[in-house]
Amino acid sequence: MTLTQGNTIDFDSARLKLSQATSLAGTQPAQTSELSLDAVKDRLTQQLQTSLEMDRILEMFFQELRSFLGLDCLEYRLDGNGLHQRIGQPGLHRCSYRMTHAGNFLGEIVFSRKKRFSESQLLALETLLGNLLYPLRNALLYREAVFCAHSDSLTGVGNRLAMDRTIDREIKLSIRHRSSLSALVLDIDYFKQINDQYGHACGDEALKAVVNCVRGCLRDVDELFRTGGEEFVILLSDTPASDARLVAERIRSAIEGMQFQQHGDSIPITASLGVATRQLDEGVRELLERCDKLMYSAKRSGRNRIGIQ
C-alpha cells in the first residue's frame, strides 16, 4: 500500500518544529545512521548557507536526509517558475509538503522511499524542513534577481548583458566543437510611426507581439535578445548558413502575417533581418557587425526583407 501524505509547511510552523528538535535528539529514524537529529540539523545549517544555487541546495539537503532517513528520492516543483528537479529514483511510499512564507508559495517538495515512513521519521522530516525553508526562499530570490538583471523588463527576453555573456559562450562552444553558429539581427520596420500614430503603449504591445511571434519560430535551444528600442538579436547554435536563412525567412513571413490590432484597428507590422554565420577566427564584434550591416542593407532595399551574403 502506498503512503501518500500531504502537508503545508510555513515558516511559523517550521519554527515550532525546530523548537521540538531537542525532544527528538535521541531519536534514530534511519536504520543505518549514527547521527542524532540535532547533529543533522547542525550539518544542514552549515551546508545550506554555502550556496544560493537551487540545484546545489536541494542536492545537499537530499544527501543528508538520504543518510539519516533512508530516502530514495526528492522531487521539487514550482510550476509558475518552470522549476522542477528530481534527485534519485521514486519509491513506493511518499509524503509531500507545500511550503509557504508570508502568503507566498515556495513550491512543493515530495519525499519517497521503498519502506513506509514511521511517525517519528515524518516528525523528523518536518523538523528538518525548517532548515531548508530559508535557504530555499533565498535561492528563489537570488534566481529572480539574476533573471531580472539579464532580462528586458518589457518583453521578458534577454537584454544586452545577457546577450554579451551568451554569445561569448556560444562562440567558445562553436570553436571547441567545430560547429556552426549563426546570428540574426531583426529590426521592426517603421516602428516610430506606430509610436507616433497610436502611442507608446501600442508600441509596447507591438514589441511583445513580435517577441511572441519570433519565439514561435525558434527551437528551445535558440536565444532571443532585445538590444535596442525595436532591435533584436537571435542566436542559432549549431546552425549552418542555409538553415539560418530558412529560419530568418520563417520569422519574416510570420511577422508579416501577424494579426496585430489595437482599438479595432489592424496595424501591419513587418521586419527586416540580417543573417550571418560565424567565419573562421571571427569574434563577437565582427559577427554582429556583419549582421547589422546586412540588416541595414535589407532596410535600404525596401524593408520586409532579409539581408544575406
C-alpha atoms as a PDB file:
ATOM      1  CA  MET A   1       0.000   0.000   0.000  1.00  0.00           C
ATOM      2  CA  THR A   2       1.380   3.420  -0.960  1.00  0.00           C
ATOM      3  CA  LEU A   3       1.624   6.060   1.740  1.00  0.00           C
ATOM      4  CA  THR A   4       0.666   9.469   0.402  1.00  0.00           C
ATOM      5  CA  GLN A   5       0.645  12.286   2.901  1.00  0.00           C
ATOM      6  CA  GLY A   6       0.296  15.964   2.073  1.00  0.00           C
ATOM      7  CA  ASN A   7       1.015  18.942   4.295  1.00  0.00           C
ATOM      8  CA  THR A   8       1.594  22.662   4.118  1.00  0.00           C
ATOM      9  CA  ILE A   9       4.732  23.948   5.812  1.00  0.00           C
ATOM     10  CA  ASP A  10       5.213  27.651   6.508  1.00  0.00           C
ATOM     11  CA  PHE A  11       7.917  29.477   8.411  1.00  0.00           C
ATOM     12  CA  ASP A  12       5.898  29.834  11.596  1.00  0.00           C
ATOM     13  CA  SER A  13       5.136  26.127  11.804  1.00  0.00           C
ATOM     14  CA  ALA A  14       8.727  25.346  10.858  1.00  0.00           C
ATOM     15  CA  ARG A  15       9.982  27.318  13.850  1.00  0.00           C
ATOM     16  CA  LEU A  16       7.653  25.296  16.068  1.00  0.00           C
ATOM     17  CA  LYS A  17       9.094  22.108  14.622  1.00  0.00           C
ATOM     18  CA  LEU A  18      12.604  23.332  15.263  1.00  0.00           C
ATOM     19  CA  SER A  19      11.738  24.059  18.879  1.00  0.00           C
ATOM     20  CA  GLN A  20      10.734  20.426  19.250  1.00  0.00           C
ATOM     21  CA  ALA A  21      14.052  19.173  17.925  1.00  0.00           C
ATOM     22  CA  THR A  22      15.662  18.816  21.346  1.00  0.00           C
ATOM     23  CA  SER A  23      12.963  16.389  22.467  1.00  0.00           C
ATOM     24  CA  LEU A  24      13.801  14.232  19.450  1.00  0.00           C
ATOM     25  CA  ALA A  25      17.559  14.401  19.842  1.00  0.00           C
ATOM     26  CA  GLY A  26      17.765  10.770  20.851  1.00  0.00           C
ATOM     27  CA  THR A  27      15.564   9.547  18.004  1.00  0.00           C
ATOM     28  CA  GLN A  28      17.332   7.443  15.368  1.00  0.00           C
ATOM     29  CA  PRO A  29      14.853   7.324  12.435  1.00  0.00           C
ATOM     30  CA  ALA A  30      17.202   5.665   9.948  1.00  0.00           C
ATOM     31  CA  GLN A  31      18.420   2.119  10.277  1.00  0.00           C
ATOM     32  CA  THR A  32      21.996   2.930   9.288  1.00  0.00           C
ATOM     33  CA  SER A  33      22.528   6.472  10.635  1.00  0.00           C
ATOM     34  CA  GLU A  34      24.536   7.088  13.767  1.00  0.00           C
ATOM     35  CA  LEU A  35      23.784  10.823  13.770  1.00  0.00           C
ATOM     36  CA  SER A  36      21.280  12.465  16.083  1.00  0.00           C
ATOM     37  CA  LEU A  37      18.615  14.813  14.783  1.00  0.00           C
ATOM     38  CA  ASP A  38      20.450  17.771  16.298  1.00  0.00           C
ATOM     39  CA  ALA A  39      23.658  16.746  14.552  1.00  0.00           C
ATOM     40  CA  VAL A  40      21.894  16.522  11.168  1.00  0.00           C
ATOM     41  CA  LYS A  41      20.215  19.858  11.802  1.00  0.00           C
ATOM     42  CA  ASP A  42      23.568  21.485  12.578  1.00  0.00           C
ATOM     43  CA  ARG A  43      25.173  19.980   9.460  1.00  0.00           C
ATOM     44  CA  LEU A  44      22.324  21.243   7.288  1.00  0.00           C
ATOM     45  CA  THR A  45      22.537  24.713   8.815  1.00  0.00           C
ATOM     46  CA  GLN A  46      26.202  24.915   7.879  1.00  0.00           C
ATOM     47  CA  GLN A  47      25.927  23.348   4.416  1.00  0.00           C
ATOM     48  CA  LEU A  48      22.825  25.095   3.116  1.00  0.00           C
ATOM     49  CA  GLN A  49      24.319  28.518   3.813  1.00  0.00           C
ATOM     50  CA  THR A  50      27.167  27.881   1.371  1.00  0.00           C
ATOM     51  CA  SER A  51      25.153  28.290  -1.836  1.00  0.00           C
ATOM     52  CA  LEU A  52      22.382  30.297  -3.485  1.00  0.00           C
ATOM     53  CA  GLU A  53      22.003  27.841  -6.350  1.00  0.00           C
ATOM     54  CA  MET A  54      18.729  25.927  -6.190  1.00  0.00           C
ATOM     55  CA  ASP A  55      20.148  22.686  -7.606  1.00  0.00           C
ATOM     56  CA  ARG A  56      23.034  22.655  -5.150  1.00  0.00           C
ATOM     57  CA  ILE A  57      20.841  23.379  -2.118  1.00  0.00           C
ATOM     58  CA  LEU A  58      18.383  20.604  -2.927  1.00  0.00           C
ATOM     59  CA  GLU A  59      21.219  18.152  -3.630  1.00  0.00           C
ATOM     60  CA  MET A  60      22.870  18.841  -0.254  1.00  0.00           C
ATOM     61  CA  PHE A  61      19.544  18.567   1.553  1.00  0.00           C
ATOM     62  CA  PHE A  62      18.730  15.268  -0.130  1.00  0.00           C
ATOM     63  CA  GLN A  63      22.114  13.714   0.615  1.00  0.00           C
ATOM     64  CA  GLU A  64      21.803  14.474   4.322  1.00  0.00           C
ATOM     65  CA  LEU A  65      18.250  13.127   4.510  1.00  0.00           C
ATOM     66  CA  ARG A  66      19.142  10.062   2.491  1.00  0.00           C
ATOM     67  CA  SER A  67      21.784   9.116   5.053  1.00  0.00           C
ATOM     68  CA  PHE A  68      19.597   9.956   8.031  1.00  0.00           C
ATOM     69  CA  LEU A  69      16.157   8.761   6.905  1.00  0.00           C
ATOM     70  CA  GLY A  70      16.921   6.361   4.092  1.00  0.00           C
ATOM     71  CA  LEU A  71      15.213   8.485   1.429  1.00  0.00           C
ATOM     72  CA  ASP A  72      15.268   7.256  -2.154  1.00  0.00           C
ATOM     73  CA  CYS A  73      14.015  10.358  -3.936  1.00  0.00           C
ATOM     74  CA  LEU A  74      13.401  14.084  -3.530  1.00  0.00           C
ATOM     75  CA  GLU A  75      11.282  15.955  -6.065  1.00  0.00           C
ATOM     76  CA  TYR A  76      10.804  19.722  -6.022  1.00  0.00           C
ATOM     77  CA  ARG A  77       8.384  21.665  -8.211  1.00  0.00           C
ATOM     78  CA  LEU A  78       7.379  25.306  -8.595  1.00  0.00           C
ATOM     79  CA  ASP A  79       5.227  25.290 -11.708  1.00  0.00           C
ATOM     80  CA  GLY A  80       4.790  29.025 -12.187  1.00  0.00           C
ATOM     81  CA  ASN A  81       8.561  29.480 -12.351  1.00  0.00           C
ATOM     82  CA  GLY A  82       9.247  26.450 -14.504  1.00  0.00           C
ATOM     83  CA  LEU A  83      11.274  24.799 -11.743  1.00  0.00           C
ATOM     84  CA  HIS A  84      11.259  21.021 -11.500  1.00  0.00           C
ATOM     85  CA  GLN A  85      14.074  18.948 -10.059  1.00  0.00           C
ATOM     86  CA  ARG A  86      14.168  15.275  -9.155  1.00  0.00           C
ATOM     87  CA  ILE A  87      17.055  13.620  -7.304  1.00  0.00           C
ATOM     88  CA  GLY A  88      17.093   9.831  -7.011  1.00  0.00           C
ATOM     89  CA  GLN A  89      14.505   7.249  -8.048  1.00  0.00           C
ATOM     90  CA  PRO A  90      10.935   7.465  -6.693  1.00  0.00           C
ATOM     91  CA  GLY A  91       9.918   4.912  -4.066  1.00  0.00           C
ATOM     92  CA  LEU A  92       6.568   3.377  -3.233  1.00  0.00           C
ATOM     93  CA  HIS A  93       5.829   5.414  -0.099  1.00  0.00           C
ATOM     94  CA  ARG A  94       5.573   9.190  -0.431  1.00  0.00           C
ATOM     95  CA  CYS A  95       4.914  12.286   1.612  1.00  0.00           C
ATOM     96  CA  SER A  96       4.552  15.761   0.165  1.00  0.00           C
ATOM     97  CA  TYR A  97       4.729  19.280   1.569  1.00  0.00           C
ATOM     98  CA  ARG A  98       3.593  22.628   0.200  1.00  0.00           C
ATOM     99  CA  MET A  99       5.923  25.322   1.514  1.00  0.00           C
ATOM    100  CA  THR A 100       4.770  28.884   2.099  1.00  0.00           C
ATOM    101  CA  HIS A 101       6.089  32.034   3.717  1.00  0.00           C
ATOM    102  CA  ALA A 102       4.136  35.251   4.386  1.00  0.00           C
ATOM    103  CA  GLY A 103       1.469  34.029   1.993  1.00  0.00           C
ATOM    104  CA  ASN A 104       3.996  33.313  -0.783  1.00  0.00           C
ATOM    105  CA  PHE A 105       4.118  29.817  -2.221  1.00  0.00           C
ATOM    106  CA  LEU A 106       7.682  28.482  -2.287  1.00  0.00           C
ATOM    107  CA  GLY A 107       6.950  25.225  -4.074  1.00  0.00           C
ATOM    108  CA  GLU A 108       6.043  21.633  -3.373  1.00  0.00           C
ATOM    109  CA  ILE A 109       8.535  19.018  -2.237  1.00  0.00           C
ATOM    110  CA  VAL A 110       7.882  15.275  -2.346  1.00  0.00           C
ATOM    111  CA  PHE A 111       9.937  12.665  -0.488  1.00  0.00           C
ATOM    112  CA  SER A 112       9.708   8.969  -1.255  1.00  0.00           C
ATOM    113  CA  ARG A 113      11.323   5.700  -0.185  1.00  0.00           C
ATOM    114  CA  LYS A 114      10.816   1.978  -0.538  1.00  0.00           C
ATOM    115  CA  LYS A 115       9.906   1.486   3.130  1.00  0.00           C
ATOM    116  CA  ARG A 116       6.964   3.005   4.930  1.00  0.00           C
ATOM    117  CA  PHE A 117       7.647   6.191   6.930  1.00  0.00           C
ATOM    118  CA  SER A 118       7.185   5.872  10.678  1.00  0.00           C
ATOM    119  CA  GLU A 119       5.585   8.668  12.696  1.00  0.00           C
ATOM    120  CA  SER A 120       8.927   9.596  14.241  1.00  0.00           C
ATOM    121  CA  GLN A 121      10.533   9.760  10.790  1.00  0.00           C
ATOM    122  CA  LEU A 122       7.790  12.049   9.492  1.00  0.00           C
ATOM    123  CA  LEU A 123       8.200  14.314  12.508  1.00  0.00           C
ATOM    124  CA  ALA A 124      11.975  14.396  11.980  1.00  0.00           C
ATOM    125  CA  LEU A 125      11.449  15.115   8.291  1.00  0.00           C
ATOM    126  CA  GLU A 126       9.186  18.057   9.048  1.00  0.00           C
ATOM    127  CA  THR A 127      11.651  19.357  11.609  1.00  0.00           C
ATOM    128  CA  LEU A 128      14.493  19.254   9.091  1.00  0.00           C
ATOM    129  CA  LEU A 129      12.356  21.057   6.519  1.00  0.00           C
ATOM    130  CA  GLY A 130      12.722  24.068   8.771  1.00  0.00           C
ATOM    131  CA  ASN A 131      16.406  24.124   7.819  1.00  0.00           C
ATOM    132  CA  LEU A 132      15.519  24.155   4.126  1.00  0.00           C
ATOM    133  CA  LEU A 133      12.928  26.909   4.045  1.00  0.00           C
ATOM    134  CA  TYR A 134      15.157  29.963   4.445  1.00  0.00           C
ATOM    135  CA  PRO A 135      17.874  28.750   2.021  1.00  0.00           C
ATOM    136  CA  LEU A 136      15.105  27.828  -0.429  1.00  0.00           C
ATOM    137  CA  ARG A 137      13.498  31.245  -0.170  1.00  0.00           C
ATOM    138  CA  ASN A 138      16.886  32.954  -0.606  1.00  0.00           C
ATOM    139  CA  ALA A 139      17.676  30.801  -3.637  1.00  0.00           C
ATOM    140  CA  LEU A 140      14.352  31.775  -5.238  1.00  0.00           C
ATOM    141  CA  LEU A 141      15.015  35.468  -4.561  1.00  0.00           C
ATOM    142  CA  TYR A 142      18.517  35.139  -5.991  1.00  0.00           C
ATOM    143  CA  ARG A 143      17.185  33.379  -9.077  1.00  0.00           C
ATOM    144  CA  GLU A 144      14.638  36.137  -9.599  1.00  0.00           C
ATOM    145  CA  ALA A 145      17.296  38.834  -9.174  1.00  0.00           C
ATOM    146  CA  VAL A 146      19.584  37.177 -11.721  1.00  0.00           C
ATOM    147  CA  PHE A 147      16.676  36.810 -14.139  1.00  0.00           C
ATOM    148  CA  CYS A 148      15.753  40.490 -13.791  1.00  0.00           C
ATOM    149  CA  ALA A 149      19.370  41.582 -14.253  1.00  0.00           C
ATOM    150  CA  HIS A 150      19.590  39.660 -17.533  1.00  0.00           C
ATOM    151  CA  SER A 151      16.073  40.235 -18.878  1.00  0.00           C
ATOM    152  CA  ASP A 152      14.340  43.001 -20.764  1.00  0.00           C
ATOM    153  CA  SER A 153      11.670  44.296 -18.396  1.00  0.00           C
ATOM    154  CA  LEU A 154       9.072  44.818 -21.150  1.00  0.00           C
ATOM    155  CA  THR A 155       9.309  41.685 -23.270  1.00  0.00           C
ATOM    156  CA  GLY A 156      10.953  39.214 -20.897  1.00  0.00           C
ATOM    157  CA  VAL A 157      13.651  38.191 -23.378  1.00  0.00           C
ATOM    158  CA  GLY A 158      17.360  38.535 -22.652  1.00  0.00           C
ATOM    159  CA  ASN A 159      18.884  42.004 -22.556  1.00  0.00           C
ATOM    160  CA  ARG A 160      22.234  43.187 -23.922  1.00  0.00           C
ATOM    161  CA  LEU A 161      24.126  41.978 -20.848  1.00  0.00           C
ATOM    162  CA  ALA A 162      22.667  38.507 -21.269  1.00  0.00           C
ATOM    163  CA  MET A 163      23.470  38.567 -24.983  1.00  0.00           C
ATOM    164  CA  ASP A 164      27.108  39.523 -24.400  1.00  0.00           C
ATOM    165  CA  ARG A 165      27.599  36.625 -21.989  1.00  0.00           C
ATOM    166  CA  THR A 166      25.694  34.134 -24.111  1.00  0.00           C
ATOM    167  CA  ILE A 167      27.308  34.901 -27.447  1.00  0.00           C
ATOM    168  CA  ASP A 168      30.774  34.742 -25.892  1.00  0.00           C
ATOM    169  CA  ARG A 169      29.945  31.289 -24.556  1.00  0.00           C
ATOM    170  CA  GLU A 170      28.411  30.154 -27.847  1.00  0.00           C
ATOM    171  CA  ILE A 171      31.458  31.229 -29.840  1.00  0.00           C
ATOM    172  CA  LYS A 172      33.727  29.262 -27.498  1.00  0.00           C
ATOM    173  CA  LEU A 173      31.488  26.205 -27.917  1.00  0.00           C
ATOM    174  CA  SER A 174      31.486  26.700 -31.685  1.00  0.00           C
ATOM    175  CA  ILE A 175      35.284  26.736 -31.725  1.00  0.00           C
ATOM    176  CA  ARG A 176      35.586  23.750 -29.388  1.00  0.00           C
ATOM    177  CA  HIS A 177      33.098  21.560 -31.250  1.00  0.00           C
ATOM    178  CA  ARG A 178      33.830  22.974 -34.708  1.00  0.00           C
ATOM    179  CA  SER A 179      30.125  23.646 -35.152  1.00  0.00           C
ATOM    180  CA  SER A 180      28.295  26.405 -36.987  1.00  0.00           C
ATOM    181  CA  LEU A 181      26.978  29.453 -35.147  1.00  0.00           C
ATOM    182  CA  SER A 182      24.595  31.801 -36.911  1.00  0.00           C
ATOM    183  CA  ALA A 183      23.160  35.120 -35.792  1.00  0.00           C
ATOM    184  CA  LEU A 184      20.198  37.202 -36.903  1.00  0.00           C
ATOM    185  CA  VAL A 185      19.660  40.902 -36.298  1.00  0.00           C
ATOM    186  CA  LEU A 186      15.992  41.896 -36.540  1.00  0.00           C
ATOM    187  CA  ASP A 187      14.629  45.429 -36.691  1.00  0.00           C
ATOM    188  CA  ILE A 188      10.903  46.259 -36.835  1.00  0.00           C
ATOM    189  CA  ASP A 189      10.085  48.407 -39.868  1.00  0.00           C
ATOM    190  CA  TYR A 190       8.549  51.867 -39.359  1.00  0.00           C
ATOM    191  CA  PHE A 191       8.270  51.321 -35.624  1.00  0.00           C
ATOM    192  CA  LYS A 192       8.480  55.058 -34.897  1.00  0.00           C
ATOM    193  CA  GLN A 193       5.329  55.558 -36.952  1.00  0.00           C
ATOM    194  CA  ILE A 194       3.459  53.087 -34.766  1.00  0.00           C
ATOM    195  CA  ASN A 195       4.519  55.004 -31.651  1.00  0.00           C
ATOM    196  CA  ASP A 196       3.681  58.380 -33.205  1.00  0.00           C
ATOM    197  CA  GLN A 197       0.297  57.362 -34.594  1.00  0.00           C
ATOM    198  CA  TYR A 198      -1.004  55.017 -31.904  1.00  0.00           C
ATOM    199  CA  GLY A 199       1.043  55.916 -28.827  1.00  0.00           C
ATOM    200  CA  HIS A 200       3.861  54.272 -26.906  1.00  0.00           C
ATOM    201  CA  ALA A 201       1.514  51.865 -25.119  1.00  0.00           C
ATOM    202  CA  CYS A 202       0.569  50.447 -28.511  1.00  0.00           C
ATOM    203  CA  GLY A 203       4.258  50.312 -29.432  1.00  0.00           C
ATOM    204  CA  ASP A 204       4.955  48.281 -26.315  1.00  0.00           C
ATOM    205  CA  GLU A 205       2.219  45.816 -27.224  1.00  0.00           C
ATOM    206  CA  ALA A 206       3.626  45.567 -30.744  1.00  0.00           C
ATOM    207  CA  LEU A 207       7.052  44.664 -29.328  1.00  0.00           C
ATOM    208  CA  LYS A 208       5.503  41.940 -27.166  1.00  0.00           C
ATOM    209  CA  ALA A 209       3.552  40.595 -30.144  1.00  0.00           C
ATOM    210  CA  VAL A 210       6.706  40.434 -32.266  1.00  0.00           C
ATOM    211  CA  VAL A 211       8.587  38.619 -29.482  1.00  0.00           C
ATOM    212  CA  ASN A 212       5.816  36.020 -29.174  1.00  0.00           C
ATOM    213  CA  CYS A 213       5.778  35.599 -32.936  1.00  0.00           C
ATOM    214  CA  VAL A 214       9.557  35.140 -33.140  1.00  0.00           C
ATOM    215  CA  ARG A 215       9.592  32.666 -30.253  1.00  0.00           C
ATOM    216  CA  GLY A 216       7.084  30.541 -32.131  1.00  0.00           C
ATOM    217  CA  CYS A 217       9.593  30.243 -34.977  1.00  0.00           C
ATOM    218  CA  LEU A 218      12.549  29.135 -32.863  1.00  0.00           C
ATOM    219  CA  ARG A 219      13.803  25.973 -31.207  1.00  0.00           C
ATOM    220  CA  ASP A 220      14.075  25.711 -27.444  1.00  0.00           C
ATOM    221  CA  VAL A 221      17.873  25.997 -27.694  1.00  0.00           C
ATOM    222  CA  ASP A 222      17.783  29.225 -29.716  1.00  0.00           C
ATOM    223  CA  GLU A 223      18.324  32.517 -27.879  1.00  0.00           C
ATOM    224  CA  LEU A 224      16.429  35.794 -28.350  1.00  0.00           C
ATOM    225  CA  PHE A 225      17.607  39.173 -27.012  1.00  0.00           C
ATOM    226  CA  ARG A 226      16.354  42.744 -27.179  1.00  0.00           C
ATOM    227  CA  THR A 227      19.324  45.025 -27.775  1.00  0.00           C
ATOM    228  CA  GLY A 228      17.610  48.326 -28.561  1.00  0.00           C
ATOM    229  CA  GLY A 229      14.234  50.003 -28.908  1.00  0.00           C
ATOM    230  CA  GLU A 230      12.937  47.797 -31.709  1.00  0.00           C
ATOM    231  CA  GLU A 231      16.049  45.756 -32.460  1.00  0.00           C
ATOM    232  CA  PHE A 232      16.602  42.127 -31.522  1.00  0.00           C
ATOM    233  CA  VAL A 233      19.393  39.579 -31.879  1.00  0.00           C
ATOM    234  CA  ILE A 234      18.771  35.858 -32.349  1.00  0.00           C
ATOM    235  CA  LEU A 235      21.484  33.248 -31.803  1.00  0.00           C
ATOM    236  CA  LEU A 236      21.179  29.923 -33.612  1.00  0.00           C
ATOM    237  CA  SER A 237      23.659  27.416 -32.225  1.00  0.00           C
ATOM    238  CA  ASP A 238      24.873  24.535 -34.408  1.00  0.00           C
ATOM    239  CA  THR A 239      23.089  26.104 -37.403  1.00  0.00           C
ATOM    240  CA  PRO A 240      24.753  26.475 -40.822  1.00  0.00           C
ATOM    241  CA  ALA A 241      24.095  29.423 -43.138  1.00  0.00           C
ATOM    242  CA  SER A 242      21.475  27.654 -45.275  1.00  0.00           C
ATOM    243  CA  ASP A 243      19.362  26.724 -42.251  1.00  0.00           C
ATOM    244  CA  ALA A 244      19.767  30.188 -40.711  1.00  0.00           C
ATOM    245  CA  ARG A 245      18.330  31.743 -43.876  1.00  0.00           C
ATOM    246  CA  LEU A 246      15.326  29.459 -43.659  1.00  0.00           C
ATOM    247  CA  VAL A 247      14.762  30.484 -40.041  1.00  0.00           C
ATOM    248  CA  ALA A 248      15.064  34.157 -40.960  1.00  0.00           C
ATOM    249  CA  GLU A 249      12.537  33.784 -43.756  1.00  0.00           C
ATOM    250  CA  ARG A 250      10.176  31.920 -41.450  1.00  0.00           C
ATOM    251  CA  ILE A 251      10.393  34.754 -38.927  1.00  0.00           C
ATOM    252  CA  ARG A 252       9.968  37.475 -41.562  1.00  0.00           C
ATOM    253  CA  SER A 253       6.917  35.766 -43.024  1.00  0.00           C
ATOM    254  CA  ALA A 254       5.353  35.092 -39.610  1.00  0.00           C
ATOM    255  CA  ILE A 255       5.688  38.743 -38.545  1.00  0.00           C
ATOM    256  CA  GLU A 256       4.221  39.951 -41.837  1.00  0.00           C
ATOM    257  CA  GLY A 257       1.267  37.612 -41.345  1.00  0.00           C
ATOM    258  CA  MET A 258       0.564  38.684 -37.749  1.00  0.00           C
ATOM    259  CA  GLN A 259      -2.911  39.968 -36.966  1.00  0.00           C
ATOM    260  CA  PHE A 260      -1.997  42.840 -34.653  1.00  0.00           C
ATOM    261  CA  GLN A 261      -4.884  45.053 -33.632  1.00  0.00           C
ATOM    262  CA  GLN A 262      -5.333  47.977 -31.288  1.00  0.00           C
ATOM    263  CA  HIS A 263      -8.696  49.581 -30.544  1.00  0.00           C
ATOM    264  CA  GLY A 264     -10.238  47.850 -33.515  1.00  0.00           C
ATOM    265  CA  ASP A 265      -7.547  48.982 -35.958  1.00  0.00           C
ATOM    266  CA  SER A 266      -5.459  46.394 -37.772  1.00  0.00           C
ATOM    267  CA  ILE A 267      -1.837  47.547 -37.755  1.00  0.00           C
ATOM    268  CA  PRO A 268       0.536  45.984 -40.280  1.00  0.00           C
ATOM    269  CA  ILE A 269       3.950  45.048 -38.910  1.00  0.00           C
ATOM    270  CA  THR A 270       6.979  43.889 -40.851  1.00  0.00           C
ATOM    271  CA  ALA A 271      10.644  43.417 -40.004  1.00  0.00           C
ATOM    272  CA  SER A 272      13.988  43.464 -41.770  1.00  0.00           C
ATOM    273  CA  LEU A 273      16.661  40.931 -40.858  1.00  0.00           C
ATOM    274  CA  GLY A 274      20.367  40.441 -41.360  1.00  0.00           C
ATOM    275  CA  VAL A 275      21.728  36.893 -41.319  1.00  0.00           C
ATOM    276  CA  ALA A 276      25.356  35.874 -40.837  1.00  0.00           C
ATOM    277  CA  THR A 277      27.169  32.668 -39.939  1.00  0.00           C
ATOM    278  CA  ARG A 278      30.399  32.844 -37.986  1.00  0.00           C
ATOM    279  CA  GLN A 279      33.514  32.634 -40.110  1.00  0.00           C
ATOM    280  CA  LEU A 280      36.832  31.134 -39.068  1.00  0.00           C
ATOM    281  CA  ASP A 281      38.560  33.226 -36.364  1.00  0.00           C
ATOM    282  CA  GLU A 282      35.638  35.670 -36.279  1.00  0.00           C
ATOM    283  CA  GLY A 283      34.820  37.165 -32.882  1.00  0.00           C
ATOM    284  CA  VAL A 284      31.664  38.567 -31.333  1.00  0.00           C
ATOM    285  CA  ARG A 285      32.027  42.109 -32.629  1.00  0.00           C
ATOM    286  CA  GLU A 286      32.757  41.058 -36.205  1.00  0.00           C
ATOM    287  CA  LEU A 287      29.846  38.635 -36.365  1.00  0.00           C
ATOM    288  CA  LEU A 288      27.309  41.144 -35.024  1.00  0.00           C
ATOM    289  CA  GLU A 289      28.670  43.962 -37.189  1.00  0.00           C
ATOM    290  CA  ARG A 290      28.155  41.829 -40.302  1.00  0.00           C
ATOM    291  CA  CYS A 291      24.620  41.008 -39.203  1.00  0.00           C
ATOM    292  CA  ASP A 292      23.887  44.666 -38.535  1.00  0.00           C
ATOM    293  CA  LYS A 293      25.197  45.783 -41.930  1.00  0.00           C
ATOM    294  CA  LEU A 294      23.138  43.118 -43.677  1.00  0.00           C
ATOM    295  CA  MET A 295      20.021  44.195 -41.793  1.00  0.00           C
ATOM    296  CA  TYR A 296      20.517  47.823 -42.879  1.00  0.00           C
ATOM    297  CA  SER A 297      21.094  46.612 -46.411  1.00  0.00           C
ATOM    298  CA  ALA A 298      17.673  44.935 -46.244  1.00  0.00           C
ATOM    299  CA  LYS A 299      16.199  48.225 -44.997  1.00  0.00           C
ATOM    300  CA  ARG A 300      17.696  50.146 -47.913  1.00  0.00           C
ATOM    301  CA  SER A 301      16.391  47.548 -50.355  1.00  0.00           C
ATOM    302  CA  GLY A 302      12.785  48.208 -49.381  1.00  0.00           C
ATOM    303  CA  ARG A 303      12.278  46.703 -45.897  1.00  0.00           C
ATOM    304  CA  ASN A 304      10.444  43.491 -45.017  1.00  0.00           C
ATOM    305  CA  ARG A 305      13.462  41.668 -46.426  1.00  0.00           C
ATOM    306  CA  ILE A 306      16.403  39.510 -45.424  1.00  0.00           C
ATOM    307  CA  GLY A 307      19.961  40.674 -45.937  1.00  0.00           C
ATOM    308  CA  ILE A 308      22.365  37.813 -46.637  1.00  0.00           C
ATOM    309  CA  GLN A 309      25.838  37.416 -48.070  1.00  0.00           C
END
